[in-house]
Amino acid sequence: MVHCKVGASRSATIVLAFLMIKRYMTVQEAVRMVRAKREIAPNEGFLQQLCDLNDKLYYSGYFDKKPT
């Protein structure tokens, strides 16, 4: 069903972005964590946006602020 695939891609992207911003995870860490629990399939455009977010967070020093 087309709607399910669109929702799965979109919802996975939201979860990954949440983990990156709120849990200070890189895109790679977030993808590994979610894929360990269930299969996800963000589309190419959403993956590019997540990579852009990762770069923005990285170059701003955001990941260095990770609470211990």
PDB file of N, CA and C in Angstrom:
ATOM      1  N   MET A   1       0.835  -1.176   0.000  1.00  0.00           N
ATOM      2  CA  MET A   1       0.000   0.000   0.000  1.00  0.00           C
ATOM      3  C   MET A   1       0.883   1.244   0.000  1.00  0.00           C
ATOM      4  N   VAL A   2       0.626   2.162  -0.866  1.00  0.00           N
ATOM      5  CA  VAL A   2       1.456   3.350  -1.041  1.00  0.00           C
ATOM      6  C   VAL A   2       1.478   4.204   0.223  1.00  0.00           C
ATOM      7  N   HIS A   3       0.349   4.404   0.858  1.00  0.00           N
ATOM      8  CA  HIS A   3       0.299   5.276   2.029  1.00  0.00           C
ATOM      9  C   HIS A   3       1.158   4.737   3.172  1.00  0.00           C
ATOM     10  N   CYS A   4       1.182   3.436   3.360  1.00  0.00           N
ATOM     11  CA  CYS A   4       1.985   2.849   4.436  1.00  0.00           C
ATOM     12  C   CYS A   4       3.462   3.089   4.208  1.00  0.00           C
ATOM     13  N   LYS A   5       3.921   2.943   2.977  1.00  0.00           N
ATOM     14  CA  LYS A   5       5.335   3.169   2.685  1.00  0.00           C
ATOM     15  C   LYS A   5       5.707   4.630   2.904  1.00  0.00           C
ATOM     16  N   VAL A   6       4.838   5.531   2.507  1.00  0.00           N
ATOM     17  CA  VAL A   6       5.111   6.955   2.699  1.00  0.00           C
ATOM     18  C   VAL A   6       5.161   7.264   4.191  1.00  0.00           C
ATOM     19  N   GLY A   7       4.243   6.751   4.947  1.00  0.00           N
ATOM     20  CA  GLY A   7       4.221   6.986   6.392  1.00  0.00           C
ATOM     21  C   GLY A   7       5.418   6.381   7.089  1.00  0.00           C
ATOM     22  N   ALA A   8       5.832   5.207   6.680  1.00  0.00           N
ATOM     23  CA  ALA A   8       6.982   4.549   7.303  1.00  0.00           C
ATOM     24  C   ALA A   8       8.254   5.340   7.035  1.00  0.00           C
ATOM     25  N   SER A   9       8.399   5.846   5.861  1.00  0.00           N
ATOM     26  CA  SER A   9       9.571   6.644   5.533  1.00  0.00           C
ATOM     27  C   SER A   9       9.562   7.939   6.330  1.00  0.00           C
ATOM     28  N   ARG A  10       8.423   8.589   6.348  1.00  0.00           N
ATOM     29  CA  ARG A  10       8.297   9.875   7.038  1.00  0.00           C
ATOM     30  C   ARG A  10       8.424   9.699   8.547  1.00  0.00           C
ATOM     31  N   SER A  11       7.738   8.706   9.095  1.00  0.00           N
ATOM     32  CA  SER A  11       7.787   8.518  10.550  1.00  0.00           C
ATOM     33  C   SER A  11       9.189   8.102  11.003  1.00  0.00           C
ATOM     34  N   ALA A  12       9.865   7.293  10.219  1.00  0.00           N
ATOM     35  CA  ALA A  12      11.235   6.906  10.559  1.00  0.00           C
ATOM     36  C   ALA A  12      12.144   8.128  10.557  1.00  0.00           C
ATOM     37  N   THR A  13      11.951   9.007   9.616  1.00  0.00           N
ATOM     38  CA  THR A  13      12.762  10.217   9.528  1.00  0.00           C
ATOM     39  C   THR A  13      12.551  11.099  10.754  1.00  0.00           C
ATOM     40  N   ILE A  14      11.315  11.219  11.201  1.00  0.00           N
ATOM     41  CA  ILE A  14      11.009  12.024  12.394  1.00  0.00           C
ATOM     42  C   ILE A  14      11.689  11.425  13.619  1.00  0.00           C
ATOM     43  N   VAL A  15      11.600  10.112  13.771  1.00  0.00           N
ATOM     44  CA  VAL A  15      12.232   9.445  14.916  1.00  0.00           C
ATOM     45  C   VAL A  15      13.745   9.644  14.878  1.00  0.00           C
ATOM     46  N   LEU A  16      14.339   9.484  13.714  1.00  0.00           N
ATOM     47  CA  LEU A  16      15.788   9.658  13.589  1.00  0.00           C
ATOM     48  C   LEU A  16      16.202  11.090  13.916  1.00  0.00           C
ATOM     49  N   ALA A  17      15.480  12.068  13.417  1.00  0.00           N
ATOM     50  CA  ALA A  17      15.793  13.473  13.707  1.00  0.00           C
ATOM     51  C   ALA A  17      15.642  13.751  15.209  1.00  0.00           C
ATOM     52  N   PHE A  18      14.615  13.186  15.829  1.00  0.00           N
ATOM     53  CA  PHE A  18      14.421  13.344  17.272  1.00  0.00           C
ATOM     54  C   PHE A  18      15.631  12.811  18.032  1.00  0.00           C
ATOM     55  N   LEU A  19      16.072  11.608  17.690  1.00  0.00           N
ATOM     56  CA  LEU A  19      17.219  11.013  18.374  1.00  0.00           C
ATOM     57  C   LEU A  19      18.479  11.857  18.182  1.00  0.00           C
ATOM     58  N   MET A  20      18.637  12.400  16.994  1.00  0.00           N
ATOM     59  CA  MET A  20      19.804  13.230  16.723  1.00  0.00           C
ATOM     60  C   MET A  20      19.795  14.501  17.573  1.00  0.00           C
ATOM     61  N   ILE A  21      18.646  15.136  17.670  1.00  0.00           N
ATOM     62  CA  ILE A  21      18.555  16.423  18.360  1.00  0.00           C
ATOM     63  C   ILE A  21      18.442  16.256  19.879  1.00  0.00           C
ATOM     64  N   LYS A  22      17.596  15.364  20.310  1.00  0.00           N
ATOM     65  CA  LYS A  22      17.335  15.237  21.748  1.00  0.00           C
ATOM     66  C   LYS A  22      18.268  14.277  22.472  1.00  0.00           C
ATOM     67  N   ARG A  23      18.834  13.317  21.751  1.00  0.00           N
ATOM     68  CA  ARG A  23      19.716  12.330  22.379  1.00  0.00           C
ATOM     69  C   ARG A  23      21.160  12.463  21.900  1.00  0.00           C
ATOM     70  N   TYR A  24      21.430  13.547  21.152  1.00  0.00           N
ATOM     71  CA  TYR A  24      22.789  13.862  20.696  1.00  0.00           C
ATOM     72  C   TYR A  24      23.431  12.727  19.912  1.00  0.00           C
ATOM     73  N   MET A  25      22.653  12.032  19.096  1.00  0.00           N
ATOM     74  CA  MET A  25      23.167  10.929  18.284  1.00  0.00           C
ATOM     75  C   MET A  25      23.494  11.426  16.884  1.00  0.00           C
ATOM     76  N   THR A  26      24.550  10.854  16.311  1.00  0.00           N
ATOM     77  CA  THR A  26      24.806  11.125  14.899  1.00  0.00           C
ATOM     78  C   THR A  26      23.756  10.369  14.092  1.00  0.00           C
ATOM     79  N   VAL A  27      23.663  10.683  12.824  1.00  0.00           N
ATOM     80  CA  VAL A  27      22.688   9.983  11.978  1.00  0.00           C
ATOM     81  C   VAL A  27      22.997   8.489  11.933  1.00  0.00           C
ATOM     82  N   GLN A  28      24.281   8.144  11.915  1.00  0.00           N
ATOM     83  CA  GLN A  28      24.657   6.728  11.870  1.00  0.00           C
ATOM     84  C   GLN A  28      24.237   6.009  13.154  1.00  0.00           C
ATOM     85  N   GLU A  29      24.464   6.630  14.300  1.00  0.00           N
ATOM     86  CA  GLU A  29      24.077   6.030  15.579  1.00  0.00           C
ATOM     87  C   GLU A  29      22.562   5.849  15.662  1.00  0.00           C
ATOM     88  N   ALA A  30      21.835   6.873  15.236  1.00  0.00           N
ATOM     89  CA  ALA A  30      20.380   6.821  15.295  1.00  0.00           C
ATOM     90  C   ALA A  30      19.825   5.717  14.384  1.00  0.00           C
ATOM     91  N   VAL A  31      20.362   5.617  13.183  1.00  0.00           N
ATOM     92  CA  VAL A  31      19.899   4.585  12.244  1.00  0.00           C
ATOM     93  C   VAL A  31      20.188   3.193  12.806  1.00  0.00           C
ATOM     94  N   ARG A  32      21.383   3.007  13.348  1.00  0.00           N
ATOM     95  CA  ARG A  32      21.719   1.699  13.935  1.00  0.00           C
ATOM     96  C   ARG A  32      20.773   1.345  15.082  1.00  0.00           C
ATOM     97  N   MET A  33      20.485   2.308  15.931  1.00  0.00           N
ATOM     98  CA  MET A  33      19.622   2.056  17.078  1.00  0.00           C
ATOM     99  C   MET A  33      18.209   1.658  16.637  1.00  0.00           C
ATOM    100  N   VAL A  34      17.648   2.409  15.703  1.00  0.00           N
ATOM    101  CA  VAL A  34      16.282   2.127  15.260  1.00  0.00           C
ATOM    102  C   VAL A  34      16.233   0.820  14.474  1.00  0.00           C
ATOM    103  N   ARG A  35      17.202   0.590  13.612  1.00  0.00           N
ATOM    104  CA  ARG A  35      17.209  -0.655  12.828  1.00  0.00           C
ATOM    105  C   ARG A  35      17.417  -1.894  13.692  1.00  0.00           C
ATOM    106  N   ALA A  36      17.986  -1.731  14.879  1.00  0.00           N
ATOM    107  CA  ALA A  36      18.137  -2.860  15.792  1.00  0.00           C
ATOM    108  C   ALA A  36      16.769  -3.307  16.332  1.00  0.00           C
ATOM    109  N   LYS A  37      15.806  -2.388  16.291  1.00  0.00           N
ATOM    110  CA  LYS A  37      14.470  -2.689  16.808  1.00  0.00           C
ATOM    111  C   LYS A  37      13.462  -3.033  15.713  1.00  0.00           C
ATOM    112  N   ARG A  38      13.598  -2.385  14.555  1.00  0.00           N
ATOM    113  CA  ARG A  38      12.682  -2.644  13.448  1.00  0.00           C
ATOM    114  C   ARG A  38      13.265  -2.142  12.139  1.00  0.00           C
ATOM    115  N   GLU A  39      12.758  -2.677  11.060  1.00  0.00           N
ATOM    116  CA  GLU A  39      13.231  -2.263   9.734  1.00  0.00           C
ATOM    117  C   GLU A  39      12.623  -0.903   9.396  1.00  0.00           C
ATOM    118  N   ILE A  40      13.459  -0.015   8.913  1.00  0.00           N
ATOM    119  CA  ILE A  40      12.995   1.301   8.471  1.00  0.00           C
ATOM    120  C   ILE A  40      13.481   1.519   7.049  1.00  0.00           C
ATOM    121  N   ALA A  41      12.799   2.407   6.349  1.00  0.00           N
ATOM    122  CA  ALA A  41      13.161   2.667   4.961  1.00  0.00           C
ATOM    123  C   ALA A  41      12.932   4.127   4.594  1.00  0.00           C
ATOM    124  N   PRO A  42      13.700   5.042   5.223  1.00  0.00           N
ATOM    125  CA  PRO A  42      13.553   6.445   4.820  1.00  0.00           C
ATOM    126  C   PRO A  42      13.946   6.600   3.350  1.00  0.00           C
ATOM    127  N   ASN A  43      13.186   7.386   2.618  1.00  0.00           N
ATOM    128  CA  ASN A  43      13.512   7.549   1.202  1.00  0.00           C
ATOM    129  C   ASN A  43      14.778   8.394   1.043  1.00  0.00           C
ATOM    130  N   GLU A  44      15.296   8.416  -0.152  1.00  0.00           N
ATOM    131  CA  GLU A  44      16.572   9.078  -0.430  1.00  0.00           C
ATOM    132  C   GLU A  44      16.555  10.561  -0.059  1.00  0.00           C
ATOM    133  N   GLY A  45      15.454  11.228  -0.336  1.00  0.00           N
ATOM    134  CA  GLY A  45      15.343  12.657  -0.012  1.00  0.00           C
ATOM    135  C   GLY A  45      15.394  12.903   1.487  1.00  0.00           C
ATOM    136  N   PHE A  46      14.689  12.073   2.249  1.00  0.00           N
ATOM    137  CA  PHE A  46      14.703  12.212   3.705  1.00  0.00           C
ATOM    138  C   PHE A  46      16.086  11.877   4.256  1.00  0.00           C
ATOM    139  N   LEU A  47      16.740  10.861   3.708  1.00  0.00           N
ATOM    140  CA  LEU A  47      18.092  10.527   4.164  1.00  0.00           C
ATOM    141  C   LEU A  47      19.055  11.683   3.903  1.00  0.00           C
ATOM    142  N   GLN A  48      18.909  12.338   2.780  1.00  0.00           N
ATOM    143  CA  GLN A  48      19.766  13.499   2.483  1.00  0.00           C
ATOM    144  C   GLN A  48      19.518  14.609   3.496  1.00  0.00           C
ATOM    145  N   GLN A  49      18.259  14.841   3.847  1.00  0.00           N
ATOM    146  CA  GLN A  49      17.948  15.865   4.840  1.00  0.00           C
ATOM    147  C   GLN A  49      18.537  15.509   6.200  1.00  0.00           C
ATOM    148  N   LEU A  50      18.508  14.222   6.558  1.00  0.00           N
ATOM    149  CA  LEU A  50      19.108  13.788   7.819  1.00  0.00           C
ATOM    150  C   LEU A  50      20.622  13.976   7.791  1.00  0.00           C
ATOM    151  N   CYS A  51      21.247  13.697   6.660  1.00  0.00           N
ATOM    152  CA  CYS A  51      22.693  13.911   6.525  1.00  0.00           C
ATOM    153  C   CYS A  51      23.021  15.403   6.624  1.00  0.00           C
ATOM    154  N   ASP A  52      22.190  16.239   6.024  1.00  0.00           N
ATOM    155  CA  ASP A  52      22.389  17.692   6.129  1.00  0.00           C
ATOM    156  C   ASP A  52      22.246  18.148   7.578  1.00  0.00           C
ATOM    157  N   LEU A  53      21.255  17.611   8.288  1.00  0.00           N
ATOM    158  CA  LEU A  53      21.076  17.927   9.705  1.00  0.00           C
ATOM    159  C   LEU A  53      22.293  17.466  10.497  1.00  0.00           C
ATOM    160  N   ASN A  54      22.779  16.273  10.206  1.00  0.00           N
ATOM    161  CA  ASN A  54      23.960  15.744  10.887  1.00  0.00           C
ATOM    162  C   ASN A  54      25.150  16.680  10.694  1.00  0.00           C
ATOM    163  N   ASP A  55      25.366  17.124   9.472  1.00  0.00           N
ATOM    164  CA  ASP A  55      26.470  18.044   9.191  1.00  0.00           C
ATOM    165  C   ASP A  55      26.301  19.353   9.958  1.00  0.00           C
ATOM    166  N   LYS A  56      25.095  19.877   9.954  1.00  0.00           N
ATOM    167  CA  LYS A  56      24.823  21.136  10.643  1.00  0.00           C
ATOM    168  C   LYS A  56      25.096  20.994  12.145  1.00  0.00           C
ATOM    169  N   LEU A  57      24.625  19.906  12.740  1.00  0.00           N
ATOM    170  CA  LEU A  57      24.845  19.681  14.170  1.00  0.00           C
ATOM    171  C   LEU A  57      26.332  19.482  14.456  1.00  0.00           C
ATOM    172  N   TYR A  58      27.002  18.706  13.614  1.00  0.00           N
ATOM    173  CA  TYR A  58      28.422  18.424  13.808  1.00  0.00           C
ATOM    174  C   TYR A  58      29.260  19.706  13.751  1.00  0.00           C
ATOM    175  N   TYR A  59      29.064  20.494  12.703  1.00  0.00           N
ATOM    176  CA  TYR A  59      29.891  21.680  12.514  1.00  0.00           C
ATOM    177  C   TYR A  59      29.561  22.798  13.500  1.00  0.00           C
ATOM    178  N   SER A  60      28.405  22.727  14.137  1.00  0.00           N
ATOM    179  CA  SER A  60      28.072  23.715  15.164  1.00  0.00           C
ATOM    180  C   SER A  60      28.605  23.312  16.532  1.00  0.00           C
ATOM    181  N   GLY A  61      29.171  22.099  16.626  1.00  0.00           N
ATOM    182  CA  GLY A  61      29.684  21.605  17.898  1.00  0.00           C
ATOM    183  C   GLY A  61      28.609  20.996  18.789  1.00  0.00           C
ATOM    184  N   TYR A  62      27.450  20.755  18.227  1.00  0.00           N
ATOM    185  CA  TYR A  62      26.312  20.243  19.006  1.00  0.00           C
ATOM    186  C   TYR A  62      26.629  18.914  19.676  1.00  0.00           C
ATOM    187  N   PHE A  63      27.279  18.010  18.979  1.00  0.00           N
ATOM    188  CA  PHE A  63      27.555  16.689  19.543  1.00  0.00           C
ATOM    189  C   PHE A  63      28.570  16.765  20.678  1.00  0.00           C
ATOM    190  N   ASP A  64      29.380  17.815  20.696  1.00  0.00           N
ATOM    191  CA  ASP A  64      30.348  18.005  21.782  1.00  0.00           C
ATOM    192  C   ASP A  64      29.658  18.392  23.092  1.00  0.00           C
ATOM    193  N   LYS A  65      28.422  18.868  23.002  1.00  0.00           N
ATOM    194  CA  LYS A  65      27.672  19.286  24.183  1.00  0.00           C
ATOM    195  C   LYS A  65      26.909  18.141  24.832  1.00  0.00           C
ATOM    196  N   LYS A  66      27.103  16.950  24.323  1.00  0.00           N
ATOM    197  CA  LYS A  66      26.369  15.776  24.807  1.00  0.00           C
ATOM    198  C   LYS A  66      26.535  15.638  26.316  1.00  0.00           C
ATOM    199  N   PRO A  67      25.408  15.605  27.036  1.00  0.00           N
ATOM    200  CA  PRO A  67      25.507  15.464  28.502  1.00  0.00           C
ATOM    201  C   PRO A  67      26.071  14.103  28.884  1.00  0.00           C
ATOM    202  N   THR A  68      26.824  14.059  29.959  1.00  0.00           N
ATOM    203  CA  THR A  68      27.403  12.788  30.407  1.00  0.00           C
ATOM    204  C   THR A  68      26.626  12.182  31.537  1.00  0.00           C
TER     205      THR A  68
END
